[in-house]
Protein backbone atom coordinates (compact mmCIF):
# COMPACT_ATOMS: atom_id res chain seq x y z
CA UNK A 1 26.20 29.88 59.96
CA UNK A 2 24.65 26.44 59.57
CA UNK A 3 27.89 24.97 58.26
CA UNK A 4 29.91 26.35 61.20
CA UNK A 5 27.40 25.01 63.71
CA UNK A 6 27.51 21.57 62.16
CA UNK A 7 31.30 21.49 62.37
CA UNK A 8 31.71 22.73 65.94
CA UNK A 9 28.78 21.26 67.88
CA UNK A 10 30.06 17.64 67.93
CA UNK A 11 33.44 18.82 69.20
CA UNK A 12 31.82 20.89 71.97
CA UNK A 13 29.56 18.03 73.03
CA UNK A 14 32.47 15.59 73.08
CA UNK A 15 34.58 17.98 75.16
CA UNK A 16 31.80 18.50 77.69
CA UNK A 17 31.26 14.75 78.14
CA UNK A 18 35.00 14.29 78.53
CA UNK A 19 35.12 17.02 81.17
CA UNK A 20 32.38 15.27 83.15
CA UNK A 21 34.48 12.12 83.12
CA UNK A 22 37.55 14.05 84.29
CA UNK A 23 35.97 16.14 87.08
CA UNK A 24 36.14 13.54 89.89
CA UNK A 25 39.56 12.16 88.89
CA UNK A 26 42.20 12.33 91.62
CA UNK A 27 44.37 9.43 90.43
CA UNK A 28 45.27 8.17 86.95
CA UNK A 29 46.44 4.69 85.98
CA UNK A 30 48.33 4.89 82.69
CA UNK A 31 48.97 2.10 80.24
CA UNK A 32 52.46 2.49 78.76
CA UNK A 33 52.50 1.38 75.12
CA UNK A 34 49.90 3.60 73.47
CA UNK A 35 48.94 6.45 75.79
CA UNK A 36 52.50 7.27 76.91
CA UNK A 37 54.62 6.09 73.99
CA UNK A 38 54.97 3.83 71.01
CA UNK A 39 57.40 1.47 72.66
CA UNK A 40 58.33 -0.51 69.55
CA UNK A 41 58.59 2.44 67.15
CA UNK A 42 62.28 1.75 66.47
CA UNK A 43 62.35 -1.96 67.27
CA UNK A 44 59.21 -3.25 65.53
CA UNK A 45 56.95 -5.51 67.56
CA UNK A 46 56.27 -7.79 64.62
CA UNK A 47 60.01 -8.48 64.28
CA UNK A 48 60.23 -9.26 67.98
CA UNK A 49 57.24 -11.60 67.65
CA UNK A 50 58.86 -13.37 64.68
CA UNK A 51 62.13 -13.77 66.61
CA UNK A 52 60.21 -15.21 69.55
CA UNK A 53 58.54 -17.79 67.31
CA UNK A 54 61.96 -18.75 65.91
CA UNK A 55 63.30 -19.14 69.45
CA UNK A 56 60.37 -21.36 70.42
CA UNK A 57 60.95 -23.43 67.27
CA UNK A 58 64.62 -23.91 68.21
CA UNK A 59 63.48 -25.16 71.59
CA UNK A 60 61.42 -27.79 69.80
CA UNK A 61 58.09 -26.36 70.98
CA UNK A 62 56.86 -24.70 67.81
CA UNK A 63 54.10 -27.27 67.51
CA UNK A 64 52.44 -25.81 70.60
CA UNK A 65 51.68 -22.56 68.77
CA UNK A 66 48.64 -22.11 66.55
CA UNK A 67 49.07 -20.73 63.05
CA UNK A 68 47.51 -17.46 64.21
CA UNK A 69 50.03 -17.18 67.03
CA UNK A 70 52.94 -18.00 64.75
CA UNK A 71 52.12 -15.01 62.54
CA UNK A 72 50.82 -12.65 65.22
CA UNK A 73 52.46 -9.19 65.20
CA UNK A 74 52.36 -8.92 68.99
CA UNK A 75 55.06 -10.88 70.89
CA UNK A 76 52.85 -10.91 73.99
CA UNK A 77 50.22 -12.89 72.07
CA UNK A 78 52.86 -15.46 71.11
CA UNK A 79 54.08 -15.78 74.68
CA UNK A 80 50.55 -16.02 76.06
CA UNK A 81 49.71 -18.73 73.54
CA UNK A 82 52.62 -20.85 74.73
CA UNK A 83 51.74 -20.11 78.36
CA UNK A 84 48.26 -21.53 77.88
CA UNK A 85 49.83 -24.90 77.01
CA UNK A 86 52.91 -24.78 79.24
CA UNK A 87 51.86 -22.74 82.29
CA UNK A 88 54.06 -22.33 85.35
CA UNK A 89 57.15 -23.70 83.63
CA UNK A 90 60.74 -22.44 83.88
CA UNK A 91 60.59 -22.04 80.10
CA UNK A 92 57.86 -19.39 80.37
CA UNK A 93 59.91 -17.48 82.94
CA UNK A 94 62.94 -17.59 80.64
CA UNK A 95 60.96 -16.42 77.62
CA UNK A 96 59.33 -13.65 79.64
CA UNK A 97 62.80 -12.44 80.59
CA UNK A 98 63.82 -12.63 76.91
CA UNK A 99 60.83 -10.42 76.02
CA UNK A 100 61.73 -7.99 78.80
CA UNK A 101 65.20 -7.61 77.30
CA UNK A 102 63.63 -6.90 73.90
CA UNK A 103 61.41 -4.22 75.46
CA UNK A 104 64.42 -2.65 77.17
CA UNK A 105 66.18 -2.63 73.81
CA UNK A 106 63.11 -0.96 72.30
CA UNK A 107 63.21 1.89 74.81
CA UNK A 108 66.04 3.59 72.93
CA UNK A 109 63.90 3.92 69.81
CA UNK A 110 60.55 4.47 71.51
CA UNK A 111 58.59 7.50 70.40
CA UNK A 112 56.46 9.60 72.77
CA UNK A 113 52.77 9.70 71.99
CA UNK A 114 51.82 13.15 70.76
CA UNK A 115 50.96 15.45 73.69
CA UNK A 116 51.74 12.74 76.27
CA UNK A 117 54.57 14.58 78.01
CA UNK A 118 52.71 17.90 78.44
CA UNK A 119 49.54 16.07 79.41
CA UNK A 120 51.35 14.13 82.12
CA UNK A 121 52.85 17.28 83.61
CA UNK A 122 49.67 19.35 83.29
CA UNK A 123 47.34 16.68 84.63
CA UNK A 124 49.60 15.71 87.52
CA UNK A 125 49.21 19.20 88.97
CA UNK A 126 45.45 18.57 89.26
CA UNK A 127 45.65 15.09 90.81
CA UNK A 128 47.01 13.28 93.84
CA UNK A 129 49.05 10.69 91.96
CA UNK A 130 49.82 8.68 88.85
CA UNK A 131 50.80 5.04 88.38
CA UNK A 132 51.69 2.98 85.32
CA UNK A 133 49.77 -0.29 84.91
CA UNK A 134 51.07 -2.13 81.88
CA UNK A 135 51.39 -5.57 80.31
CA UNK A 136 54.93 -4.60 79.36
CA UNK A 137 57.80 -5.05 81.76
CA UNK A 138 57.87 -2.58 84.65
CA UNK A 139 61.61 -2.32 84.00
CA UNK A 140 60.98 -1.14 80.46
CA UNK A 141 58.36 1.35 81.66
CA UNK A 142 60.76 2.75 84.25
CA UNK A 143 63.53 2.99 81.67
CA UNK A 144 61.30 4.83 79.20
CA UNK A 145 59.96 7.48 81.57
CA UNK A 146 63.51 8.10 82.76
CA UNK A 147 64.50 9.01 79.19
CA UNK A 148 61.73 11.63 79.19
CA UNK A 149 62.53 13.06 82.63
CA UNK A 150 59.17 11.86 83.93
CA UNK A 151 60.25 9.47 86.67
CA UNK A 152 59.09 11.79 89.47
CA UNK A 153 55.61 12.02 87.90
CA UNK A 154 54.73 8.40 88.68
CA UNK A 155 54.37 7.11 92.23
CA UNK A 156 54.34 3.45 91.19
CA UNK A 157 54.87 1.18 88.19
CA UNK A 158 53.27 -2.25 87.88
CA UNK A 159 53.91 -4.43 84.87
CA UNK A 160 54.11 -7.99 83.61
CA UNK A 161 55.32 -10.62 86.06
CA UNK A 162 56.55 -14.17 85.55
CA UNK A 163 52.94 -15.23 86.18
CA UNK A 164 51.44 -14.33 82.81
CA UNK A 165 47.94 -15.15 84.01
CA UNK A 166 48.05 -11.86 85.94
CA UNK A 167 48.37 -9.75 82.79
CA UNK A 168 45.43 -7.56 81.86
CA UNK A 169 42.50 -8.22 81.46
CA UNK A 170 43.20 -9.58 84.93
CA UNK A 171 43.02 -6.48 87.17
CA UNK A 172 46.01 -7.51 89.30
CA UNK A 173 48.31 -4.62 88.37
CA UNK A 174 45.48 -2.11 88.73
CA UNK A 175 44.65 -3.44 92.19
CA UNK A 176 48.29 -3.10 93.22
CA UNK A 177 48.40 0.48 91.94
CA UNK A 178 45.21 1.46 93.78
CA UNK A 179 46.65 0.16 97.03
CA UNK A 180 49.98 1.88 96.48
CA UNK A 181 48.28 5.21 95.73
CA UNK A 182 45.69 4.87 98.50
CA UNK A 183 43.11 5.52 95.79
CA UNK A 184 39.39 4.81 95.64
CA UNK A 185 38.02 3.29 92.45
CA UNK A 186 35.41 6.03 91.93
CA UNK A 187 37.94 8.88 91.75
CA UNK A 188 40.53 6.97 89.71
CA UNK A 189 40.74 6.82 85.92
CA UNK A 190 42.39 4.17 83.76
CA UNK A 191 43.83 5.53 80.51
CA UNK A 192 44.48 2.74 78.03
CA UNK A 193 44.29 1.83 74.37
CA UNK A 194 43.20 -1.82 74.41
CA UNK A 195 40.09 -3.80 75.32
CA UNK A 196 42.14 -5.59 77.98
CA UNK A 197 42.70 -2.24 79.72
CA UNK A 198 38.96 -1.55 79.68
CA UNK A 199 38.10 -5.04 80.92
CA UNK A 200 40.53 -4.80 83.84
CA UNK A 201 39.24 -1.36 84.83
CA UNK A 202 35.61 -2.43 84.52
CA UNK A 203 36.15 -5.46 86.76
CA UNK A 204 37.36 -3.15 89.53
CA UNK A 205 34.80 -0.41 88.91
CA UNK A 206 37.42 2.08 87.74
CA UNK A 207 36.22 4.60 85.10
CA UNK A 208 38.00 4.28 81.75
CA UNK A 209 39.25 6.63 79.06
CA UNK A 210 40.33 5.07 75.78
CA UNK A 211 43.06 6.41 73.53
CA UNK A 212 42.77 5.29 69.90
CA UNK A 213 45.49 6.51 67.56
CA UNK A 214 43.77 4.96 64.55
CA UNK A 215 40.42 3.53 63.46
CA UNK A 216 41.49 -0.04 64.16
CA UNK A 217 42.15 0.85 67.79
CA UNK A 218 38.89 2.79 68.01
CA UNK A 219 36.89 -0.10 66.58
CA UNK A 220 38.45 -2.51 69.08
CA UNK A 221 37.53 -0.26 72.02
CA UNK A 222 34.01 0.28 70.71
CA UNK A 223 33.62 -3.46 70.20
CA UNK A 224 34.62 -4.02 73.83
CA UNK A 225 31.84 -1.70 74.96
CA UNK A 226 33.67 1.56 75.63
CA UNK A 227 31.37 4.60 75.50
CA UNK A 228 32.19 6.50 72.27
CA UNK A 229 32.35 9.76 74.24
CA UNK A 230 35.09 8.19 76.37
CA UNK A 231 37.44 7.56 73.44
CA UNK A 232 39.90 10.19 72.22
CA UNK A 233 41.88 10.11 69.02
CA UNK A 234 44.49 12.55 70.34
CA UNK A 235 45.67 13.33 73.85
CA UNK A 236 45.30 16.98 72.89
CA UNK A 237 41.57 16.45 73.44
CA UNK A 238 42.28 15.63 77.08
CA UNK A 239 44.49 18.70 77.46
CA UNK A 240 41.73 20.89 76.04
CA UNK A 241 39.14 19.33 78.36
CA UNK A 242 41.39 19.80 81.41
CA UNK A 243 41.77 23.51 80.67
CA UNK A 244 38.01 23.90 81.03
CA UNK A 245 37.90 22.38 84.52
CA UNK A 246 37.67 24.63 87.55
């Protein structure tokens, strides 16, 4: 009896706290890469980042990147590094478009996050609207959800623009989504997997739910200040919590 209690109580407590977070939610802002899919599952992000560094080198601007940026596995980090030293240039716009094309190429090999499709359909029935708020291209987000037959589930998609300063943690795309949905911050939830998602939501006063597919992601969210009871390791946890709501 004692062993069974020890095993089940933490799960029950976590589910109840999650349900309290979900009760007032009428609108959900979804990050794309993480909660909805693994965008670069078939077109690895680290290879895209390496190709971007090579392209910057060929343009004679490799010296503007730090060593950390040159070896970073995230192409967005490489692009943002260059943007900090060459903001508002035609070059940045061209490289952003290059990255968008890579993301569109990645869509064909993207892999849905476990339970994401059923969660989207189940949760939508309980809410007044969904939007995607991502640092990836809105074109890539639209292309991905079309492959899953989910286009009608999302009222709006806001992604990276040519102005990279507006990427999360700036709350720009979240603000746009709130206006498009006619949503109030208090009854909206941001579902993301990165500290930048949390920071953008917090700046606007939007409650946050973190998805962490591994310990590294969980540690990053915890380090940013996310409440441990507001982090799930599987979207199945959200499905289970939703079933308990009246």
